[in-house]
Every structure is written in C-alpha cells, then in structure tokens.
Protein backbone atom coordinates (compact mmCIF):
# COMPACT_ATOMS: atom_id res chain seq x y z
CA MET A 1 97.46 29.51 -11.36
CA ARG A 2 98.08 26.41 -14.13
CA ARG A 3 96.57 23.93 -12.62
CA ALA A 4 93.67 25.56 -11.56
CA LEU A 5 92.92 26.86 -15.11
CA ALA A 6 93.37 22.87 -16.52
CA ARG A 7 91.08 21.86 -13.51
CA TRP A 8 88.51 24.64 -14.95
CA ARG A 9 88.47 23.96 -18.53
CA ALA A 10 88.37 20.06 -18.02
CA ARG A 11 85.35 20.98 -16.02
CA THR A 12 84.15 23.57 -18.33
CA HIS A 13 84.29 21.05 -21.64
CA HIS A 14 82.80 18.30 -19.42
CA LEU A 15 79.74 20.67 -18.90
CA ARG A 16 79.69 21.55 -22.31
CA GLU A 17 79.22 18.24 -23.27
CA GLN A 18 76.92 17.20 -20.57
CA TRP A 19 74.90 20.29 -22.22
CA THR A 20 74.93 18.72 -25.42
CA THR A 21 74.05 15.68 -24.50
CA TRP A 22 70.91 16.78 -22.55
CA ARG A 23 69.39 19.40 -25.33
CA ARG A 24 69.99 16.48 -28.31
CA GLN A 25 68.12 14.09 -25.62
CA TRP A 26 65.39 16.82 -25.19
CA GLU A 27 65.63 17.09 -28.84
CA VAL A 28 64.71 13.38 -29.73
CA GLU A 29 62.42 13.41 -26.87
CA ARG A 30 60.29 16.25 -28.50
CA ASP A 31 60.14 14.15 -32.00
CA LEU A 32 59.11 10.73 -29.96
CA GLU A 33 56.18 12.69 -28.58
CA ARG A 34 55.31 14.22 -32.52
CA ALA A 35 55.57 10.38 -33.84
CA ILE A 36 53.09 9.23 -31.54
CA GLU A 37 50.73 12.37 -30.50
CA GLY A 38 46.63 12.27 -31.73
CA THR A 39 45.23 9.29 -32.62
CA ALA A 40 46.30 8.43 -35.83
CA PRO A 41 47.95 5.06 -36.97
CA ILE A 42 51.57 4.42 -35.87
CA LEU A 43 53.51 2.88 -38.29
CA ALA A 44 56.77 1.46 -36.11
CA GLY A 45 59.33 1.10 -38.92
CA PRO A 46 60.54 0.00 -41.52
CA TRP A 47 63.17 -1.86 -39.84
CA LEU A 48 65.75 -2.62 -42.49
CA SER A 49 68.76 -2.66 -39.54
CA GLU A 50 70.77 -5.23 -38.14
CA VAL A 51 69.04 -8.08 -36.21
CA GLY A 52 71.11 -7.53 -33.31
CA TYR A 53 69.93 -4.20 -32.84
CA GLU A 54 66.56 -5.30 -33.39
CA ALA A 55 66.78 -7.82 -30.73
CA LEU A 56 68.69 -5.90 -27.98
CA TYR A 57 67.41 -2.53 -28.12
CA TRP A 58 64.50 -1.33 -30.89
CA VAL A 59 61.92 -4.02 -29.69
CA PRO A 60 62.35 -3.33 -25.82
CA PHE A 61 62.12 0.38 -26.83
CA LEU A 62 59.05 -0.09 -28.84
CA ARG A 63 58.08 -2.04 -25.70
CA TRP A 64 58.82 0.62 -23.27
CA VAL A 65 57.08 3.89 -25.61
CA LYS A 66 53.72 1.45 -25.57
CA ALA A 67 53.78 1.42 -22.32
CA ALA A 68 55.35 5.10 -21.46
CA TYR A 69 52.67 6.66 -23.68
CA ARG A 70 50.00 4.26 -22.87
CA LEU A 71 49.44 3.33 -26.57
CA PRO A 72 46.70 0.83 -27.22
CA ALA A 73 48.28 -2.08 -29.62
CA GLU A 74 45.73 -1.16 -32.22
CA ARG A 75 47.32 2.13 -32.82
CA ILE A 76 50.47 0.47 -33.59
CA VAL A 77 51.48 -0.79 -37.12
CA VAL A 78 55.09 -2.99 -37.38
CA MET A 79 57.42 -2.77 -40.39
CA SER A 80 60.02 -5.23 -40.37
CA ARG A 81 61.34 -8.07 -42.90
CA GLY A 82 61.82 -11.75 -42.66
CA GLY A 83 58.63 -12.42 -40.90
CA THR A 84 59.67 -11.14 -37.59
CA ALA A 85 55.93 -10.69 -36.54
CA SER A 86 56.60 -12.72 -33.30
CA TRP A 87 59.23 -10.70 -31.68
CA TYR A 88 56.57 -7.80 -31.34
CA ARG A 89 53.39 -10.15 -30.26
CA ASP A 90 52.85 -8.04 -27.34
CA ILE A 91 53.38 -5.09 -28.94
CA SER A 92 50.95 -5.10 -31.80
CA PRO A 93 49.27 -7.88 -33.46
CA GLN A 94 49.89 -6.26 -36.54
CA TYR A 95 52.80 -6.47 -38.67
CA ILE A 96 53.76 -5.61 -42.26
CA GLU A 97 56.34 -7.51 -43.80
CA ALA A 98 59.06 -5.04 -45.62
CA LEU A 99 59.74 -7.67 -48.18
CA ASP A 100 56.34 -7.85 -49.60
CA HIS A 101 57.15 -4.04 -50.60
CA ALA A 102 60.87 -4.44 -51.44
CA SER A 103 62.91 -7.01 -53.09
CA PRO A 104 65.89 -8.62 -51.39
CA HIS A 105 68.35 -6.95 -53.70
CA GLU A 106 67.17 -3.94 -52.69
CA LEU A 107 68.47 -4.93 -48.86
CA ALA A 108 71.24 -6.61 -50.18
CA ALA A 109 72.54 -3.44 -51.87
CA ARG A 110 71.26 -1.29 -49.37
CA ALA A 111 73.76 -3.24 -46.84
CA SER A 112 76.68 -3.13 -49.65
CA ALA A 113 76.21 0.52 -49.77
CA GLY A 114 77.48 0.30 -46.03
CA ALA A 115 73.63 1.92 -44.98
CA LEU A 116 73.40 -0.34 -41.79
CA LYS A 117 72.26 1.66 -39.18
CA GLN A 118 68.78 3.70 -40.14
CA ARG A 119 70.37 6.88 -38.96
CA ASP A 120 68.18 8.62 -41.75
CA VAL A 121 64.85 8.56 -43.81
CA SER A 122 66.22 6.81 -46.82
CA GLU A 123 64.14 6.86 -49.86
CA LEU A 124 63.91 3.20 -49.45
CA ASP A 125 61.96 3.85 -46.27
CA ARG A 126 59.79 6.80 -47.35
CA ARG A 127 58.76 3.93 -50.31
CA LEU A 128 57.76 1.66 -47.50
CA ILE A 129 56.34 4.03 -45.55
CA GLU A 130 54.31 5.32 -48.50
CA ARG A 131 52.96 1.89 -49.21
CA ALA A 132 51.92 1.52 -45.50
CA SER A 133 50.32 4.57 -45.39
CA THR A 134 48.10 3.55 -48.59
CA ALA A 135 47.22 0.32 -46.63
CA ALA A 136 46.48 2.26 -43.43
CA PRO A 137 42.19 2.55 -43.10
CA ALA A 138 42.70 6.51 -42.49
CA GLY A 139 45.25 6.81 -45.65
CA ALA A 140 47.61 8.55 -43.02
CA MET A 141 49.83 7.60 -40.69
CA ASN A 142 52.19 8.83 -38.10
CA VAL A 143 55.89 7.39 -38.39
CA LEU A 144 58.11 5.94 -35.59
CA HIS A 145 61.47 5.79 -37.38
CA PRO A 146 64.44 3.50 -36.32
CA SER A 147 66.35 6.71 -36.50
CA LEU A 148 64.40 8.10 -33.53
CA MET A 149 65.89 5.19 -31.47
CA PHE A 150 69.44 5.34 -33.16
CA ARG A 151 69.53 8.88 -31.73
CA TRP A 152 68.15 8.04 -28.18
CA PHE A 153 70.52 5.44 -27.41
CA ALA A 154 73.59 7.20 -28.72
CA PRO A 155 74.75 8.63 -25.84
CA PHE A 156 74.96 5.04 -24.18
CA TRP A 157 76.96 3.85 -26.96
CA SER A 158 79.61 7.01 -27.11
CA GLY A 159 79.65 6.67 -23.27
CA HIS A 160 77.82 9.72 -22.47
CA GLU A 161 75.32 7.89 -20.62
CA THR A 162 74.79 4.69 -18.45
CA LEU A 163 73.35 1.67 -19.09
CA ALA A 164 70.62 2.64 -16.70
CA PHE A 165 69.80 5.34 -19.15
CA VAL A 166 69.01 2.18 -21.59
CA GLU A 167 67.37 0.31 -18.71
CA ARG A 168 65.19 3.08 -18.24
CA HIS A 169 64.12 3.40 -22.29
CA THR A 170 63.86 -0.71 -22.62
CA ARG A 171 61.60 -3.32 -21.34
CA HIS A 172 63.29 -6.86 -22.47
CA VAL A 173 61.04 -9.71 -22.24
CA ARG A 174 61.15 -13.43 -23.15
CA ILE A 175 59.97 -14.27 -26.71
CA GLU A 176 57.70 -16.66 -28.39
CA PRO A 177 58.45 -18.39 -31.36
CA PRO A 178 56.93 -18.29 -34.55
CA ASP A 179 54.44 -21.20 -35.45
CA VAL A 180 56.18 -21.58 -38.62
CA ARG A 181 57.18 -24.40 -40.83
CA VAL A 182 61.19 -25.30 -41.12
CA PRO A 183 62.72 -26.54 -44.22
CA VAL A 184 64.47 -29.27 -42.68
CA ALA A 185 64.03 -32.65 -40.67
CA LEU A 186 65.14 -31.21 -36.61
CA PRO A 187 66.47 -33.72 -34.87
CA ALA A 188 65.19 -33.95 -31.10
CA ASP A 189 68.19 -32.77 -29.33
CA TYR A 190 70.68 -30.72 -31.57
CA VAL A 191 72.89 -27.37 -31.45
CA ALA A 192 71.70 -23.91 -33.03
CA VAL A 193 74.97 -22.56 -34.78
CA LYS A 194 75.55 -19.59 -37.09
CA PHE A 195 79.19 -17.95 -37.52
CA TYR A 196 79.69 -15.72 -40.09
CA GLY A 197 82.41 -12.68 -40.67
CA ALA A 198 82.20 -9.62 -38.78
CA ARG A 199 84.21 -7.02 -36.81
CA SER A 200 83.40 -8.98 -33.76
CA LEU A 201 84.77 -12.11 -35.55
CA PRO A 202 86.46 -11.93 -38.78
CA ASP A 203 86.66 -14.84 -41.28
CA ASP A 204 90.56 -14.96 -41.23
CA PRO A 205 92.93 -18.39 -41.35
CA ALA A 206 93.78 -17.87 -37.69
CA VAL A 207 89.69 -18.32 -36.55
CA ARG A 208 88.64 -20.39 -38.81
CA PRO A 209 90.28 -23.39 -37.68
CA GLN A 210 88.69 -22.55 -33.69
CA LEU A 211 85.16 -22.28 -35.51
CA ARG A 212 85.72 -25.83 -37.08
CA SER A 213 87.41 -27.15 -33.90
CA ILE A 214 84.01 -25.68 -31.56
CA VAL A 215 81.53 -27.55 -34.29
CA ASP A 216 83.43 -30.87 -34.53
CA ALA A 217 83.52 -31.05 -30.81
CA LEU A 218 79.65 -29.94 -30.40
CA SER A 219 78.89 -32.40 -33.46
CA GLU A 220 80.31 -35.50 -31.58
CA ARG A 221 77.63 -34.76 -28.93
CA PHE A 222 74.89 -33.40 -30.69
CA ALA A 223 73.25 -33.20 -33.63
CA VAL A 224 74.20 -29.41 -35.54
CA VAL A 225 71.84 -27.50 -37.31
CA GLN A 226 74.13 -24.50 -39.37
CA LEU A 227 72.00 -21.39 -40.15
CA ASP A 228 73.84 -20.62 -42.91
CA THR A 229 71.04 -18.76 -44.93
CA GLY A 230 72.78 -18.23 -48.22
CA LEU A 231 70.75 -15.21 -49.00
CA GLY A 232 73.07 -12.23 -48.58
CA LEU A 233 71.17 -9.52 -46.89
CA ASP A 234 73.32 -8.00 -45.19
CA ASP A 235 77.60 -6.86 -45.27
CA HIS A 236 77.78 -10.60 -42.92
CA PRO A 237 78.70 -13.16 -45.20
CA ASP A 238 78.01 -16.83 -43.73
CA VAL A 239 81.05 -18.99 -42.83
CA ARG A 240 80.28 -22.36 -44.17
CA LEU A 241 82.03 -25.10 -42.32
CA ASP A 242 82.62 -28.68 -43.91
CA ALA A 243 79.29 -30.53 -43.78
CA HIS A 244 79.17 -34.07 -42.10
CA ASP A 245 76.48 -36.79 -41.63
CA ARG A 246 75.93 -34.34 -37.79
CA LEU A 247 76.00 -31.50 -39.33
CA ILE A 248 72.44 -30.26 -40.66
CA SER A 249 72.49 -26.84 -42.89
CA VAL A 250 69.70 -24.93 -44.05
CA SER A 251 71.47 -23.16 -47.05
CA GLY A 252 69.53 -22.41 -50.08
CA ARG A 253 65.81 -23.63 -48.08
CA LEU A 254 64.80 -20.66 -47.14
CA ASP A 255 62.39 -17.69 -48.68
CA ALA A 256 63.85 -14.17 -47.67
CA ARG A 257 60.53 -13.07 -46.63
CA THR A 258 60.32 -15.56 -43.55
CA ASN A 259 63.95 -16.32 -43.30
CA LEU A 260 64.03 -14.66 -39.83
CA ALA A 261 60.67 -16.29 -38.35
CA VAL A 262 62.79 -19.85 -39.48
CA GLN A 263 65.97 -19.73 -37.47
CA THR A 264 63.30 -18.18 -34.62
CA ARG A 265 61.94 -21.06 -34.64
CA ILE A 266 64.94 -23.64 -35.02
CA ILE A 267 66.89 -21.20 -32.18
CA ALA A 268 63.61 -21.66 -30.05
CA GLY A 269 64.18 -25.52 -30.43
CA ALA A 270 67.46 -25.71 -29.95
CA ARG A 271 69.38 -26.70 -26.51
CA MET A 272 72.12 -24.03 -27.10
CA TYR A 273 72.84 -21.09 -29.67
CA VAL A 274 76.32 -20.85 -30.86
CA GLY A 275 77.64 -18.38 -33.09
CA THR A 276 79.07 -14.63 -33.85
CA CYS A 277 78.59 -11.99 -31.52
CA GLY A 278 76.09 -10.09 -33.04
CA SER A 279 73.10 -11.07 -34.81
CA LEU A 280 71.17 -13.82 -33.67
CA ALA A 281 73.12 -13.92 -30.25
CA TRP A 282 71.22 -11.12 -29.16
CA LEU A 283 67.99 -13.00 -29.66
CA ALA A 284 68.56 -16.48 -28.55
CA PRO A 285 68.87 -15.82 -24.48
CA LEU A 286 65.53 -13.85 -24.81
CA LEU A 287 63.57 -17.08 -26.83
CA GLY A 288 64.97 -19.54 -23.57
CA VAL A 289 67.93 -20.83 -25.31
CA PRO A 290 71.46 -20.60 -23.55
CA THR A 291 73.83 -18.76 -26.08
CA VAL A 292 77.58 -19.03 -26.29
CA PRO A 293 78.31 -16.15 -28.30
CA ILE A 294 82.68 -15.64 -29.94
CA PHE A 295 84.58 -12.77 -31.00
CA THR A 296 87.95 -12.23 -31.06
CA ASP A 297 87.45 -7.94 -31.04
CA ALA A 298 85.60 -6.58 -28.61
CA SER A 299 86.28 -3.06 -28.98
CA PHE A 300 82.45 -1.90 -29.87
CA LEU A 301 81.00 -4.66 -28.29
CA HIS A 302 81.20 -3.39 -24.90
CA ALA A 303 78.32 -1.83 -24.11
CA HIS A 304 76.40 -4.07 -25.94
CA LEU A 305 77.56 -6.92 -24.01
CA HIS A 306 77.31 -5.16 -20.52
CA LEU A 307 73.46 -4.51 -21.49
CA ALA A 308 72.74 -7.83 -22.55
CA ARG A 309 74.85 -9.62 -19.20
CA ARG A 310 72.09 -7.22 -17.25
CA VAL A 311 69.09 -7.90 -19.18
CA TYR A 312 68.58 -11.45 -19.96
CA GLY A 313 68.36 -12.81 -16.22
CA ARG A 314 65.89 -10.24 -15.46
CA ALA A 315 63.50 -11.51 -18.17
CA GLY A 316 64.01 -15.12 -17.68
CA GLY A 317 66.46 -15.85 -20.76
CA GLY A 318 68.47 -18.40 -21.44
CA THR A 319 72.28 -18.28 -20.10
CA PHE A 320 74.89 -15.65 -21.95
CA SER A 321 78.24 -17.00 -21.65
CA PRO A 322 80.27 -15.16 -24.37
CA ILE A 323 84.07 -16.30 -25.05
CA ASP A 324 86.71 -14.51 -26.30
CA LEU A 325 89.25 -16.10 -28.41
CA THR A 326 91.75 -13.66 -28.75
CA GLY A 327 94.07 -15.18 -26.41
CA LEU A 328 94.24 -18.88 -28.38
CA VAL A 329 94.66 -16.58 -31.59
CA ASP A 330 97.49 -14.77 -30.32
CA ALA A 331 99.21 -18.19 -28.86
CA GLY A 332 98.62 -19.90 -32.03
CA LEU A 333 96.62 -22.42 -30.10
CA ALA A 334 93.71 -24.56 -30.75
CA ILE A 335 90.29 -25.78 -29.49
CA GLY A 336 90.24 -29.74 -28.90
CA ARG A 337 88.69 -32.38 -27.93
CA PRO A 338 88.68 -32.88 -23.94
CA ASP A 339 90.26 -36.56 -24.34
CA ARG A 340 92.86 -35.13 -26.94
CA VAL A 341 94.13 -32.13 -24.08
CA ALA A 342 94.10 -34.73 -21.82
CA ALA A 343 96.50 -36.81 -23.29
CA GLY A 344 98.48 -33.72 -24.45
CA HIS A 345 97.61 -33.75 -27.69
C-alpha cells in the first residue's frame, strides 16, 4: 500500500507540473496572438538582453512567428542595439537602433542592476516603445516584447519541455554580415578571439594562464584579432590578454551604436572564432565560421549546448566544437605548444 501510495503521489505531482506547464504555454500563445493581431505595425523588441539569447533564440523565434502567422515583413519593425540589423535582414528591413534613444550608460546601469534578461517590461523598455510608436506612420504599434520569448522557452530551460519544442518554434538560418567599416586593418588570414568573465568561464588565476596559452598557440600560426571592446555594456568584463605583434585589439575603437555590427563583420571574415562559451560564440557558427567555445562550468549551459549542436549543422553553419577546461584546471595541467608537449615540457 505504501508503494502504491508513493507512486500515486509521484504521478499526481508529475501531472500537476505538466498541467501548470501547459497552462502557462497556452497563456503565452494567447499573448502572442494578441501582439500580432490586426494590421498595425508590430514592434519586435526592444531587445536589450544578452547577445547569446538574441542569436540562439530571439531571432530564430521571430523568424518562426513571421512564417507561422504569415506576417508580411512590412508589418514588422525590429528594435535592438549595437547595429544588429543584418541579423534580422530576412525578417524585416525596418530596424530601429535603441542606442539612438538611450545612452550606453543606461544599458550598462541596467546590466549592473542584474536586469540582463527581459522577463518583464522595464521603464526603459516602455520609453523605447513610446519612441518607436511616435515614429510609426499611424502613431500606434503592437508590441512583441522579448519577455514573451523568455516565457515561451522557460519550460525548455527548466527541463519541462524537450528540444523538439524549441525546434518547432524557431528557424535557424545562416546570417549575412553587415557592410560596415572596420576600424582596424584586418590581415588576410586571422582568428577572432573574445574572452570575458562569466559563470561559464570565470576570470580567475587558474583559468587565465590557459586562455593565454590558447591565444599564444593560435598567434604562432595566425594573426589574432581580439574583440575586447572595452565598452562595458553588460556585466561580462573583457579578459584582455597581453598584446604582441601578432595580436590586434579593437579596444577603444568601437562606437557603442555599431559595436555588434563591427564584431559581426570581423568574425565573418575570420577562419575561426575562439572565445568564452556565450555571447558571440552562439552567433559565429551562423556566420559560417568554425567556432570553439570554451568553458569551465557547464551547469547552466546544457540546454543551450544541446540546441546549438542540433541546429547549426542544419542551418549550414560553421562547426561548433566546445572545449571544457575543467579537467585541466582541476589537475593543474596547462595547454602547451605541440612541440613542447611532444618533448615532455
């Protein structure tokens, strides 16, 4: 009887969780239909959250919404920051730069306050929506806010939905880089590198020597362009490695309004992208660039890694080859040059 009762309780708990998940999904679907109903322009945004969620989820989600509900491109107006219009090129030609209406300091303050993911409509969001609506011909717009996407995929991130759920509601395709001026002279053959401190790859004394060894090994074969922007627009500080004649830095040379456009252009021209697992590491394969994301803590990356491994190949993207440094760090080992490793050094 005890075992039967325990099974009954477990089954009841599972059904209750499943019902809660379904109910929330129905609510989000209803809110999506309200956001796109009628014929008024639809503001998709403003997107102010992390780059990785934008590239891996938000843009593909909007692409699915457009196709599933047969929305004409003329109805959709995208608002993001950093000059990411090319990421949305097949969704809409209409792009509003959020940094034309908000300062980099406001975005940095928002990030430092811990508001990285737009699970709610903030005061800054409302102000940007009002600015976009003022510029609309009819003076009114429907709003498809990023909070809806975060609610839509929350069951997947929490483990209550499968990868198939995300695949049914996204469309991942190759992205064409923007035609934008790059403020440094790029070599004919180079590797793009971007390391920053994050939960997935903390900037600590045990990790930094590994990253320096990786960059040193790369620079012996190729020129290296380091995407250390120095802009401080989020809570992920750049890990700046020692400069030398084979390493080119963009620090201090980027305008916040176009910084992501320039970084996209640089990555698209690289033979490889190597960096912290997050941010632009999720974008680089969609530019057709072989990508090596590096991490030491995968505890909150599993869902994203699972999705990335599935979709990039289908989209015709670059190879995606993550490296976990945890074993090296825990064992006190170091990455070294092949000739030194062979010699026992």
